[in-house]
Amino acid sequence: MSKIHSNAEILLGIHLTELRLNFVQQFKFCPHRQWKADFYLPDERILIECEGATGYFKNPKGGVTLGGRHTKEKGLEADCVKYNTAQMLGYKVLRFSSKQIGRGIAKEFLNHWIGRTL
């Protein structure tokens, strides 16, 4: 079953191409687990994760709901294990929210630190 890419992942792929960065999408980085990083920059040995819903949302039934897998305790703890394992395997891990990608903040950050634009 192939993963459907979010708008943020599609946009970040465009930004990485504009920055002339070599990348692989859905990169399996751990030989013992099925974990995949959204993006892998092999020249820098960097994994990039596009974090989805990370904030509070209005609940249609009233009140406010903390949204997204990454903000719930079980999902957050699983992410910590995944990202810590990646670090111990020698990868740098960068995480950007969908909003950071949409506003160009992720592209600016990557351009500042590893960009290849003229």
PDB file of N, CA and C in Angstrom:
ATOM      1  N   MET A   1       0.837  -1.172   0.000  1.00  0.00           N
ATOM      2  CA  MET A   1       0.000   0.000   0.000  1.00  0.00           C
ATOM      3  C   MET A   1       0.886   1.240   0.000  1.00  0.00           C
ATOM      4  N   SER A   2       0.743   2.095  -0.983  1.00  0.00           N
ATOM      5  CA  SER A   2       1.595   3.277  -1.050  1.00  0.00           C
ATOM      6  C   SER A   2       0.977   4.408  -0.237  1.00  0.00           C
ATOM      7  N   LYS A   3       1.834   5.225   0.314  1.00  0.00           N
ATOM      8  CA  LYS A   3       1.399   6.335   1.142  1.00  0.00           C
ATOM      9  C   LYS A   3       0.951   7.495   0.263  1.00  0.00           C
ATOM     10  N   ILE A   4      -0.140   8.121   0.653  1.00  0.00           N
ATOM     11  CA  ILE A   4      -0.587   9.332  -0.026  1.00  0.00           C
ATOM     12  C   ILE A   4       0.172  10.496   0.593  1.00  0.00           C
ATOM     13  N   HIS A   5       0.818  11.287  -0.220  1.00  0.00           N
ATOM     14  CA  HIS A   5       1.623  12.389   0.291  1.00  0.00           C
ATOM     15  C   HIS A   5       0.739  13.593   0.600  1.00  0.00           C
ATOM     16  N   SER A   6       1.012  14.221   1.714  1.00  0.00           N
ATOM     17  CA  SER A   6       0.274  15.415   2.103  1.00  0.00           C
ATOM     18  C   SER A   6       0.713  16.588   1.227  1.00  0.00           C
ATOM     19  N   ASN A   7      -0.078  17.644   1.259  1.00  0.00           N
ATOM     20  CA  ASN A   7       0.294  18.855   0.523  1.00  0.00           C
ATOM     21  C   ASN A   7       1.647  19.384   0.993  1.00  0.00           C
ATOM     22  N   ALA A   8       1.908  19.287   2.295  1.00  0.00           N
ATOM     23  CA  ALA A   8       3.194  19.755   2.832  1.00  0.00           C
ATOM     24  C   ALA A   8       4.352  18.939   2.272  1.00  0.00           C
ATOM     25  N   GLU A   9       4.178  17.634   2.157  1.00  0.00           N
ATOM     26  CA  GLU A   9       5.237  16.785   1.602  1.00  0.00           C
ATOM     27  C   GLU A   9       5.472  17.097   0.133  1.00  0.00           C
ATOM     28  N   ILE A  10       4.407  17.315  -0.600  1.00  0.00           N
ATOM     29  CA  ILE A  10       4.543  17.668  -2.018  1.00  0.00           C
ATOM     30  C   ILE A  10       5.301  18.986  -2.152  1.00  0.00           C
ATOM     31  N   LEU A  11       4.910  19.985  -1.350  1.00  0.00           N
ATOM     32  CA  LEU A  11       5.568  21.294  -1.408  1.00  0.00           C
ATOM     33  C   LEU A  11       7.030  21.191  -0.980  1.00  0.00           C
ATOM     34  N   LEU A  12       7.312  20.432   0.063  1.00  0.00           N
ATOM     35  CA  LEU A  12       8.710  20.306   0.499  1.00  0.00           C
ATOM     36  C   LEU A  12       9.544  19.630  -0.585  1.00  0.00           C
ATOM     37  N   GLY A  13       8.984  18.650  -1.282  1.00  0.00           N
ATOM     38  CA  GLY A  13       9.694  18.033  -2.404  1.00  0.00           C
ATOM     39  C   GLY A  13      10.042  19.054  -3.478  1.00  0.00           C
ATOM     40  N   ILE A  14       9.107  19.956  -3.753  1.00  0.00           N
ATOM     41  CA  ILE A  14       9.363  21.037  -4.720  1.00  0.00           C
ATOM     42  C   ILE A  14      10.474  21.933  -4.206  1.00  0.00           C
ATOM     43  N   HIS A  15      10.419  22.288  -2.924  1.00  0.00           N
ATOM     44  CA  HIS A  15      11.449  23.157  -2.341  1.00  0.00           C
ATOM     45  C   HIS A  15      12.822  22.499  -2.376  1.00  0.00           C
ATOM     46  N   LEU A  16      12.886  21.218  -2.061  1.00  0.00           N
ATOM     47  CA  LEU A  16      14.184  20.519  -2.100  1.00  0.00           C
ATOM     48  C   LEU A  16      14.749  20.498  -3.513  1.00  0.00           C
ATOM     49  N   THR A  17      13.881  20.333  -4.495  1.00  0.00           N
ATOM     50  CA  THR A  17      14.311  20.363  -5.890  1.00  0.00           C
ATOM     51  C   THR A  17      14.824  21.751  -6.253  1.00  0.00           C
ATOM     52  N   GLU A  18      14.102  22.794  -5.836  1.00  0.00           N
ATOM     53  CA  GLU A  18      14.537  24.167  -6.103  1.00  0.00           C
ATOM     54  C   GLU A  18      15.881  24.470  -5.458  1.00  0.00           C
ATOM     55  N   LEU A  19      16.129  23.876  -4.301  1.00  0.00           N
ATOM     56  CA  LEU A  19      17.406  24.073  -3.609  1.00  0.00           C
ATOM     57  C   LEU A  19      18.513  23.168  -4.156  1.00  0.00           C
ATOM     58  N   ARG A  20      18.161  22.356  -5.147  1.00  0.00           N
ATOM     59  CA  ARG A  20      19.101  21.423  -5.768  1.00  0.00           C
ATOM     60  C   ARG A  20      19.685  20.425  -4.775  1.00  0.00           C
ATOM     61  N   LEU A  21      18.843  19.964  -3.875  1.00  0.00           N
ATOM     62  CA  LEU A  21      19.274  18.971  -2.896  1.00  0.00           C
ATOM     63  C   LEU A  21      18.851  17.585  -3.374  1.00  0.00           C
ATOM     64  N   ASN A  22      19.779  16.663  -3.326  1.00  0.00           N
ATOM     65  CA  ASN A  22      19.511  15.275  -3.662  1.00  0.00           C
ATOM     66  C   ASN A  22      18.663  14.681  -2.535  1.00  0.00           C
ATOM     67  N   PHE A  23      17.525  14.055  -2.866  1.00  0.00           N
ATOM     68  CA  PHE A  23      16.682  13.496  -1.809  1.00  0.00           C
ATOM     69  C   PHE A  23      15.969  12.233  -2.262  1.00  0.00           C
ATOM     70  N   VAL A  24      15.561  11.464  -1.256  1.00  0.00           N
ATOM     71  CA  VAL A  24      14.769  10.254  -1.447  1.00  0.00           C
ATOM     72  C   VAL A  24      13.540  10.404  -0.566  1.00  0.00           C
ATOM     73  N   GLN A  25      12.367  10.084  -1.109  1.00  0.00           N
ATOM     74  CA  GLN A  25      11.159  10.124  -0.296  1.00  0.00           C
ATOM     75  C   GLN A  25      10.860   8.741   0.257  1.00  0.00           C
ATOM     76  N   GLN A  26      10.226   8.730   1.426  1.00  0.00           N
ATOM     77  CA  GLN A  26       9.833   7.490   2.101  1.00  0.00           C
ATOM     78  C   GLN A  26      11.017   6.535   2.242  1.00  0.00           C
ATOM     79  N   PHE A  27      12.060   7.038   2.867  1.00  0.00           N
ATOM     80  CA  PHE A  27      13.309   6.299   3.033  1.00  0.00           C
ATOM     81  C   PHE A  27      13.262   5.434   4.291  1.00  0.00           C
ATOM     82  N   LYS A  28      13.458   4.137   4.124  1.00  0.00           N
ATOM     83  CA  LYS A  28      13.510   3.213   5.262  1.00  0.00           C
ATOM     84  C   LYS A  28      14.920   3.264   5.846  1.00  0.00           C
ATOM     85  N   PHE A  29      15.029   3.810   7.055  1.00  0.00           N
ATOM     86  CA  PHE A  29      16.348   4.080   7.619  1.00  0.00           C
ATOM     87  C   PHE A  29      16.811   3.059   8.665  1.00  0.00           C
ATOM     88  N   CYS A  30      15.924   2.205   9.117  1.00  0.00           N
ATOM     89  CA  CYS A  30      16.279   1.250  10.166  1.00  0.00           C
ATOM     90  C   CYS A  30      16.058  -0.172   9.658  1.00  0.00           C
ATOM     91  N   PRO A  31      17.112  -1.005   9.664  1.00  0.00           N
ATOM     92  CA  PRO A  31      16.974  -2.349   9.108  1.00  0.00           C
ATOM     93  C   PRO A  31      16.052  -3.267   9.923  1.00  0.00           C
ATOM     94  N   HIS A  32      15.801  -2.921  11.185  1.00  0.00           N
ATOM     95  CA  HIS A  32      15.030  -3.809  12.055  1.00  0.00           C
ATOM     96  C   HIS A  32      13.588  -3.359  12.252  1.00  0.00           C
ATOM     97  N   ARG A  33      13.218  -2.221  11.691  1.00  0.00           N
ATOM     98  CA  ARG A  33      11.860  -1.695  11.842  1.00  0.00           C
ATOM     99  C   ARG A  33      11.357  -1.244  10.475  1.00  0.00           C
ATOM    100  N   GLN A  34      10.084  -1.035  10.383  1.00  0.00           N
ATOM    101  CA  GLN A  34       9.474  -0.572   9.131  1.00  0.00           C
ATOM    102  C   GLN A  34       9.417   0.950   9.046  1.00  0.00           C
ATOM    103  N   TRP A  35      10.106   1.646   9.938  1.00  0.00           N
ATOM    104  CA  TRP A  35      10.080   3.102   9.953  1.00  0.00           C
ATOM    105  C   TRP A  35      10.595   3.685   8.645  1.00  0.00           C
ATOM    106  N   LYS A  36       9.946   4.735   8.218  1.00  0.00           N
ATOM    107  CA  LYS A  36      10.404   5.488   7.049  1.00  0.00           C
ATOM    108  C   LYS A  36      10.409   6.962   7.405  1.00  0.00           C
ATOM    109  N   ALA A  37      11.390   7.659   6.879  1.00  0.00           N
ATOM    110  CA  ALA A  37      11.416   9.116   6.997  1.00  0.00           C
ATOM    111  C   ALA A  37      10.729   9.684   5.762  1.00  0.00           C
ATOM    112  N   ASP A  38      10.069  10.817   5.923  1.00  0.00           N
ATOM    113  CA  ASP A  38       9.398  11.434   4.781  1.00  0.00           C
ATOM    114  C   ASP A  38      10.397  11.767   3.680  1.00  0.00           C
ATOM    115  N   PHE A  39      11.572  12.278   4.084  1.00  0.00           N
ATOM    116  CA  PHE A  39      12.636  12.614   3.130  1.00  0.00           C
ATOM    117  C   PHE A  39      13.982  12.226   3.716  1.00  0.00           C
ATOM    118  N   TYR A  40      14.897  11.871   2.837  1.00  0.00           N
ATOM    119  CA  TYR A  40      16.273  11.591   3.217  1.00  0.00           C
ATOM    120  C   TYR A  40      17.182  12.354   2.268  1.00  0.00           C
ATOM    121  N   LEU A  41      18.127  13.106   2.835  1.00  0.00           N
ATOM    122  CA  LEU A  41      19.140  13.818   2.053  1.00  0.00           C
ATOM    123  C   LEU A  41      20.446  13.040   2.210  1.00  0.00           C
ATOM    124  N   PRO A  42      20.750  12.142   1.272  1.00  0.00           N
ATOM    125  CA  PRO A  42      21.910  11.256   1.440  1.00  0.00           C
ATOM    126  C   PRO A  42      23.248  11.978   1.491  1.00  0.00           C
ATOM    127  N   ASP A  43      23.382  13.088   0.785  1.00  0.00           N
ATOM    128  CA  ASP A  43      24.666  13.803   0.786  1.00  0.00           C
ATOM    129  C   ASP A  43      24.991  14.386   2.155  1.00  0.00           C
ATOM    130  N   GLU A  44      23.954  14.663   2.945  1.00  0.00           N
ATOM    131  CA  GLU A  44      24.146  15.240   4.279  1.00  0.00           C
ATOM    132  C   GLU A  44      23.817  14.257   5.394  1.00  0.00           C
ATOM    133  N   ARG A  45      23.276  13.098   5.022  1.00  0.00           N
ATOM    134  CA  ARG A  45      22.813  12.083   5.988  1.00  0.00           C
ATOM    135  C   ARG A  45      21.775  12.686   6.943  1.00  0.00           C
ATOM    136  N   ILE A  46      20.791  13.363   6.348  1.00  0.00           N
ATOM    137  CA  ILE A  46      19.729  14.031   7.106  1.00  0.00           C
ATOM    138  C   ILE A  46      18.385  13.404   6.753  1.00  0.00           C
ATOM    139  N   LEU A  47      17.610  13.099   7.795  1.00  0.00           N
ATOM    140  CA  LEU A  47      16.228  12.673   7.633  1.00  0.00           C
ATOM    141  C   LEU A  47      15.337  13.882   7.923  1.00  0.00           C
ATOM    142  N   ILE A  48      14.287  14.043   7.140  1.00  0.00           N
ATOM    143  CA  ILE A  48      13.343  15.141   7.358  1.00  0.00           C
ATOM    144  C   ILE A  48      11.952  14.560   7.532  1.00  0.00           C
ATOM    145  N   GLU A  49      11.290  15.006   8.593  1.00  0.00           N
ATOM    146  CA  GLU A  49       9.921  14.604   8.868  1.00  0.00           C
ATOM    147  C   GLU A  49       8.996  15.809   8.727  1.00  0.00           C
ATOM    148  N   CYS A  50       7.903  15.605   8.017  1.00  0.00           N
ATOM    149  CA  CYS A  50       6.848  16.610   7.879  1.00  0.00           C
ATOM    150  C   CYS A  50       5.792  16.270   8.921  1.00  0.00           C
ATOM    151  N   GLU A  51       5.697  17.099   9.927  1.00  0.00           N
ATOM    152  CA  GLU A  51       4.743  16.827  11.003  1.00  0.00           C
ATOM    153  C   GLU A  51       3.391  17.436  10.633  1.00  0.00           C
ATOM    154  N   GLY A  52       2.372  16.621  10.703  1.00  0.00           N
ATOM    155  CA  GLY A  52       1.026  17.061  10.331  1.00  0.00           C
ATOM    156  C   GLY A  52       0.392  17.927  11.392  1.00  0.00           C
ATOM    157  N   ALA A  53      -0.833  17.596  11.730  1.00  0.00           N
ATOM    158  CA  ALA A  53      -1.604  18.384  12.691  1.00  0.00           C
ATOM    159  C   ALA A  53      -0.877  18.423  14.028  1.00  0.00           C
ATOM    160  N   THR A  54      -0.486  19.608  14.445  1.00  0.00           N
ATOM    161  CA  THR A  54       0.317  19.735  15.655  1.00  0.00           C
ATOM    162  C   THR A  54      -0.299  20.674  16.680  1.00  0.00           C
ATOM    163  N   GLY A  55      -1.486  21.191  16.405  1.00  0.00           N
ATOM    164  CA  GLY A  55      -2.026  22.194  17.317  1.00  0.00           C
ATOM    165  C   GLY A  55      -3.404  21.850  17.832  1.00  0.00           C
ATOM    166  N   TYR A  56      -4.054  22.871  18.354  1.00  0.00           N
ATOM    167  CA  TYR A  56      -5.399  22.736  18.880  1.00  0.00           C
ATOM    168  C   TYR A  56      -6.408  23.061  17.792  1.00  0.00           C
ATOM    169  N   PHE A  57      -7.509  22.330  17.781  1.00  0.00           N
ATOM    170  CA  PHE A  57      -8.548  22.536  16.792  1.00  0.00           C
ATOM    171  C   PHE A  57      -9.889  22.654  17.481  1.00  0.00           C
ATOM    172  N   LYS A  58     -10.779  23.425  16.886  1.00  0.00           N
ATOM    173  CA  LYS A  58     -12.131  23.522  17.418  1.00  0.00           C
ATOM    174  C   LYS A  58     -12.835  22.199  17.207  1.00  0.00           C
ATOM    175  N   ASN A  59     -13.429  21.699  18.257  1.00  0.00           N
ATOM    176  CA  ASN A  59     -14.202  20.469  18.176  1.00  0.00           C
ATOM    177  C   ASN A  59     -15.612  20.839  17.739  1.00  0.00           C
ATOM    178  N   PRO A  60     -16.170  20.193  16.702  1.00  0.00           N
ATOM    179  CA  PRO A  60     -17.516  20.531  16.242  1.00  0.00           C
ATOM    180  C   PRO A  60     -18.572  20.381  17.329  1.00  0.00           C
ATOM    181  N   LYS A  61     -18.310  19.559  18.314  1.00  0.00           N
ATOM    182  CA  LYS A  61     -19.265  19.355  19.412  1.00  0.00           C
ATOM    183  C   LYS A  61     -19.038  20.345  20.546  1.00  0.00           C
ATOM    184  N   GLY A  62     -18.118  21.266  20.330  1.00  0.00           N
ATOM    185  CA  GLY A  62     -17.817  22.265  21.354  1.00  0.00           C
ATOM    186  C   GLY A  62     -16.459  22.019  21.986  1.00  0.00           C
ATOM    187  N   GLY A  63     -15.864  23.085  22.446  1.00  0.00           N
ATOM    188  CA  GLY A  63     -14.565  22.984  23.090  1.00  0.00           C
ATOM    189  C   GLY A  63     -13.424  22.905  22.092  1.00  0.00           C
ATOM    190  N   VAL A  64     -12.266  22.570  22.602  1.00  0.00           N
ATOM    191  CA  VAL A  64     -11.053  22.519  21.798  1.00  0.00           C
ATOM    192  C   VAL A  64     -10.452  21.127  21.918  1.00  0.00           C
ATOM    193  N   THR A  65      -9.933  20.624  20.821  1.00  0.00           N
ATOM    194  CA  THR A  65      -9.325  19.300  20.782  1.00  0.00           C
ATOM    195  C   THR A  65      -7.868  19.431  20.366  1.00  0.00           C
ATOM    196  N   LEU A  66      -7.024  18.686  21.040  1.00  0.00           N
ATOM    197  CA  LEU A  66      -5.627  18.616  20.641  1.00  0.00           C
ATOM    198  C   LEU A  66      -5.566  17.629  19.495  1.00  0.00           C
ATOM    199  N   GLY A  67      -5.076  18.074  18.324  1.00  0.00           N
ATOM    200  CA  GLY A  67      -5.189  17.244  17.133  1.00  0.00           C
ATOM    201  C   GLY A  67      -3.894  16.632  16.675  1.00  0.00           C
ATOM    202  N   GLY A  68      -4.047  15.561  15.915  1.00  0.00           N
ATOM    203  CA  GLY A  68      -2.903  14.952  15.259  1.00  0.00           C
ATOM    204  C   GLY A  68      -2.244  13.858  16.072  1.00  0.00           C
ATOM    205  N   ARG A  69      -1.720  12.874  15.365  1.00  0.00           N
ATOM    206  CA  ARG A  69      -1.057  11.741  15.989  1.00  0.00           C
ATOM    207  C   ARG A  69       0.143  12.170  16.817  1.00  0.00           C
ATOM    208  N   HIS A  70       0.861  13.181  16.331  1.00  0.00           N
ATOM    209  CA  HIS A  70       2.103  13.597  16.977  1.00  0.00           C
ATOM    210  C   HIS A  70       1.877  14.308  18.305  1.00  0.00           C
ATOM    211  N   THR A  71       0.644  14.704  18.577  1.00  0.00           N
ATOM    212  CA  THR A  71       0.370  15.421  19.821  1.00  0.00           C
ATOM    213  C   THR A  71      -0.280  14.530  20.865  1.00  0.00           C
ATOM    214  N   LYS A  72      -0.645  13.335  20.504  1.00  0.00           N
ATOM    215  CA  LYS A  72      -1.219  12.406  21.469  1.00  0.00           C
ATOM    216  C   LYS A  72      -0.087  11.609  22.110  1.00  0.00           C
ATOM    217  N   GLU A  73      -0.269  11.260  23.372  1.00  0.00           N
ATOM    218  CA  GLU A  73       0.815  10.666  24.148  1.00  0.00           C
ATOM    219  C   GLU A  73       1.431   9.437  23.469  1.00  0.00           C
ATOM    220  N   LYS A  74       0.612   8.505  23.028  1.00  0.00           N
ATOM    221  CA  LYS A  74       1.140   7.281  22.421  1.00  0.00           C
ATOM    222  C   LYS A  74       1.908   7.587  21.138  1.00  0.00           C
ATOM    223  N   GLY A  75       1.359   8.456  20.285  1.00  0.00           N
ATOM    224  CA  GLY A  75       2.033   8.831  19.043  1.00  0.00           C
ATOM    225  C   GLY A  75       3.321   9.584  19.303  1.00  0.00           C
ATOM    226  N   LEU A  76       3.291  10.489  20.278  1.00  0.00           N
ATOM    227  CA  LEU A  76       4.482  11.263  20.626  1.00  0.00           C
ATOM    228  C   LEU A  76       5.590  10.348  21.133  1.00  0.00           C
ATOM    229  N   GLU A  77       5.236   9.400  21.987  1.00  0.00           N
ATOM    230  CA  GLU A  77       6.244   8.483  22.521  1.00  0.00           C
ATOM    231  C   GLU A  77       6.827   7.596  21.418  1.00  0.00           C
ATOM    232  N   ALA A  78       5.980   7.145  20.492  1.00  0.00           N
ATOM    233  CA  ALA A  78       6.483   6.327  19.374  1.00  0.00           C
ATOM    234  C   ALA A  78       7.421   7.155  18.500  1.00  0.00           C
ATOM    235  N   ASP A  79       7.070   8.421  18.280  1.00  0.00           N
ATOM    236  CA  ASP A  79       7.950   9.297  17.500  1.00  0.00           C
ATOM    237  C   ASP A  79       9.287   9.497  18.198  1.00  0.00           C
ATOM    238  N   CYS A  80       9.264   9.637  19.519  1.00  0.00           N
ATOM    239  CA  CYS A  80      10.521   9.813  20.261  1.00  0.00           C
ATOM    240  C   CYS A  80      11.439   8.607  20.042  1.00  0.00           C
ATOM    241  N   VAL A  81      10.893   7.408  20.115  1.00  0.00           N
ATOM    242  CA  VAL A  81      11.706   6.200  19.895  1.00  0.00           C
ATOM    243  C   VAL A  81      12.251   6.197  18.470  1.00  0.00           C
ATOM    244  N   LYS A  82      11.399   6.511  17.511  1.00  0.00           N
ATOM    245  CA  LYS A  82      11.817   6.529  16.095  1.00  0.00           C
ATOM    246  C   LYS A  82      12.939   7.541  15.871  1.00  0.00           C
ATOM    247  N   TYR A  83      12.743   8.760  16.340  1.00  0.00           N
ATOM    248  CA  TYR A  83      13.736   9.817  16.095  1.00  0.00           C
ATOM    249  C   TYR A  83      15.018   9.564  16.880  1.00  0.00           C
ATOM    250  N   ASN A  84      14.910   9.069  18.096  1.00  0.00           N
ATOM    251  CA  ASN A  84      16.112   8.756  18.876  1.00  0.00           C
ATOM    252  C   ASN A  84      16.910   7.624  18.231  1.00  0.00           C
ATOM    253  N   THR A  85      16.214   6.626  17.692  1.00  0.00           N
ATOM    254  CA  THR A  85      16.886   5.531  16.995  1.00  0.00           C
ATOM    255  C   THR A  85      17.626   6.061  15.770  1.00  0.00           C
ATOM    256  N   ALA A  86      16.969   6.927  15.027  1.00  0.00           N
ATOM    257  CA  ALA A  86      17.613   7.522  13.848  1.00  0.00           C
ATOM    258  C   ALA A  86      18.886   8.260  14.247  1.00  0.00           C
ATOM    259  N   GLN A  87      18.829   9.011  15.335  1.00  0.00           N
ATOM    260  CA  GLN A  87      20.010   9.742  15.817  1.00  0.00           C
ATOM    261  C   GLN A  87      21.133   8.764  16.170  1.00  0.00           C
ATOM    262  N   MET A  88      20.782   7.697  16.859  1.00  0.00           N
ATOM    263  CA  MET A  88      21.807   6.732  17.266  1.00  0.00           C
ATOM    264  C   MET A  88      22.384   5.974  16.078  1.00  0.00           C
ATOM    265  N   LEU A  89      21.629   5.879  14.987  1.00  0.00           N
ATOM    266  CA  LEU A  89      22.137   5.251  13.767  1.00  0.00           C
ATOM    267  C   LEU A  89      22.975   6.218  12.933  1.00  0.00           C
ATOM    268  N   GLY A  90      23.152   7.435  13.444  1.00  0.00           N
ATOM    269  CA  GLY A  90      24.038   8.387  12.786  1.00  0.00           C
ATOM    270  C   GLY A  90      23.370   9.392  11.860  1.00  0.00           C
ATOM    271  N   TYR A  91      22.053   9.457  11.884  1.00  0.00           N
ATOM    272  CA  TYR A  91      21.340  10.430  11.056  1.00  0.00           C
ATOM    273  C   TYR A  91      21.070  11.699  11.846  1.00  0.00           C
ATOM    274  N   LYS A  92      21.060  12.826  11.158  1.00  0.00           N
ATOM    275  CA  LYS A  92      20.528  14.057  11.730  1.00  0.00           C
ATOM    276  C   LYS A  92      19.045  14.041  11.395  1.00  0.00           C
ATOM    277  N   VAL A  93      18.215  14.471  12.322  1.00  0.00           N
ATOM    278  CA  VAL A  93      16.776  14.465  12.099  1.00  0.00           C
ATOM    279  C   VAL A  93      16.251  15.898  12.185  1.00  0.00           C
ATOM    280  N   LEU A  94      15.593  16.330  11.113  1.00  0.00           N
ATOM    281  CA  LEU A  94      14.951  17.637  11.091  1.00  0.00           C
ATOM    282  C   LEU A  94      13.448  17.431  11.004  1.00  0.00           C
ATOM    283  N   ARG A  95      12.716  18.210  11.788  1.00  0.00           N
ATOM    284  CA  ARG A  95      11.259  18.108  11.812  1.00  0.00           C
ATOM    285  C   ARG A  95      10.675  19.491  11.510  1.00  0.00           C
ATOM    286  N   PHE A  96       9.723  19.505  10.590  1.00  0.00           N
ATOM    287  CA  PHE A  96       9.046  20.746  10.238  1.00  0.00           C
ATOM    288  C   PHE A  96       7.542  20.516  10.268  1.00  0.00           C
ATOM    289  N   SER A  97       6.808  21.491  10.795  1.00  0.00           N
ATOM    290  CA  SER A  97       5.355  21.404  10.774  1.00  0.00           C
ATOM    291  C   SER A  97       4.858  21.747   9.372  1.00  0.00           C
ATOM    292  N   SER A  98       3.643  21.335   9.087  1.00  0.00           N
ATOM    293  CA  SER A  98       3.039  21.653   7.792  1.00  0.00           C
ATOM    294  C   SER A  98       2.993  23.161   7.579  1.00  0.00           C
ATOM    295  N   LYS A  99       2.713  23.897   8.639  1.00  0.00           N
ATOM    296  CA  LYS A  99       2.654  25.362   8.526  1.00  0.00           C
ATOM    297  C   LYS A  99       4.029  25.942   8.215  1.00  0.00           C
ATOM    298  N   GLN A 100       5.074  25.419   8.816  1.00  0.00           N
ATOM    299  CA  GLN A 100       6.424  25.901   8.521  1.00  0.00           C
ATOM    300  C   GLN A 100       6.782  25.643   7.061  1.00  0.00           C
ATOM    301  N   ILE A 101       6.364  24.507   6.552  1.00  0.00           N
ATOM    302  CA  ILE A 101       6.629  24.185   5.148  1.00  0.00           C
ATOM    303  C   ILE A 101       5.824  25.122   4.252  1.00  0.00           C
ATOM    304  N   GLY A 102       4.551  25.296   4.555  1.00  0.00           N
ATOM    305  CA  GLY A 102       3.683  26.152   3.754  1.00  0.00           C
ATOM    306  C   GLY A 102       4.110  27.606   3.724  1.00  0.00           C
ATOM    307  N   ARG A 103       4.655  28.097   4.826  1.00  0.00           N
ATOM    308  CA  ARG A 103       5.100  29.500   4.895  1.00  0.00           C
ATOM    309  C   ARG A 103       6.514  29.694   4.364  1.00  0.00           C
ATOM    310  N   GLY A 104       7.183  28.617   3.958  1.00  0.00           N
ATOM    311  CA  GLY A 104       8.532  28.730   3.413  1.00  0.00           C
ATOM    312  C   GLY A 104       9.633  28.740   4.458  1.00  0.00           C
ATOM    313  N   ILE A 105       9.271  28.562   5.718  1.00  0.00           N
ATOM    314  CA  ILE A 105      10.265  28.592   6.799  1.00  0.00           C
ATOM    315  C   ILE A 105      11.220  27.402   6.687  1.00  0.00           C
ATOM    316  N   ALA A 106      10.684  26.226   6.355  1.00  0.00           N
ATOM    317  CA  ALA A 106      11.541  25.042   6.203  1.00  0.00           C
ATOM    318  C   ALA A 106      12.532  25.251   5.051  1.00  0.00           C
ATOM    319  N   LYS A 107      12.053  25.795   3.937  1.00  0.00           N
ATOM    320  CA  LYS A 107      12.925  26.042   2.782  1.00  0.00           C
ATOM    321  C   LYS A 107      14.026  27.038   3.151  1.00  0.00           C
ATOM    322  N   GLU A 108      13.663  28.101   3.852  1.00  0.00           N
ATOM    323  CA  GLU A 108      14.663  29.092   4.271  1.00  0.00           C
ATOM    324  C   GLU A 108      15.706  28.458   5.190  1.00  0.00           C
ATOM    325  N   PHE A 109      15.257  27.639   6.129  1.00  0.00           N
ATOM    326  CA  PHE A 109      16.165  26.969   7.056  1.00  0.00           C
ATOM    327  C   PHE A 109      17.145  26.076   6.294  1.00  0.00           C
ATOM    328  N   LEU A 110      16.592  25.251   5.408  1.00  0.00           N
ATOM    329  CA  LEU A 110      17.444  24.338   4.630  1.00  0.00           C
ATOM    330  C   LEU A 110      18.390  25.097   3.716  1.00  0.00           C
ATOM    331  N   ASN A 111      17.924  26.172   3.125  1.00  0.00           N
ATOM    332  CA  ASN A 111      18.786  26.979   2.263  1.00  0.00           C
ATOM    333  C   ASN A 111      19.924  27.602   3.073  1.00  0.00           C
ATOM    334  N   HIS A 112      19.618  28.066   4.261  1.00  0.00           N
ATOM    335  CA  HIS A 112      20.646  28.674   5.115  1.00  0.00           C
ATOM    336  C   HIS A 112      21.731  27.661   5.494  1.00  0.00           C
ATOM    337  N   TRP A 113      21.309  26.460   5.877  1.00  0.00           N
ATOM    338  CA  TRP A 113      22.260  25.482   6.389  1.00  0.00           C
ATOM    339  C   TRP A 113      22.901  24.600   5.334  1.00  0.00           C
ATOM    340  N   ILE A 114      22.160  24.254   4.261  1.00  0.00           N
ATOM    341  CA  ILE A 114      22.739  23.326   3.288  1.00  0.00           C
ATOM    342  C   ILE A 114      22.352  23.653   1.847  1.00  0.00           C
ATOM    343  N   GLY A 115      21.793  24.816   1.601  1.00  0.00           N
ATOM    344  CA  GLY A 115      21.278  25.152   0.282  1.00  0.00           C
ATOM    345  C   GLY A 115      22.337  25.144  -0.807  1.00  0.00           C
ATOM    346  N   ARG A 116      21.860  24.880  -2.011  1.00  0.00           N
ATOM    347  CA  ARG A 116      22.746  24.859  -3.178  1.00  0.00           C
ATOM    348  C   ARG A 116      22.232  25.802  -4.247  1.00  0.00           C
ATOM    349  N   THR A 117      21.462  26.817  -3.841  1.00  0.00           N
ATOM    350  CA  THR A 117      20.973  27.777  -4.824  1.00  0.00           C
ATOM    351  C   THR A 117      22.105  28.691  -5.269  1.00  0.00           C
ATOM    352  N   LEU A 118      21.972  29.249  -6.436  1.00  0.00           N
ATOM    353  CA  LEU A 118      23.006  30.165  -6.957  1.00  0.00           C
ATOM    354  C   LEU A 118      22.883  31.530  -6.319  1.00  0.00           C
TER     355      LEU A 118
END
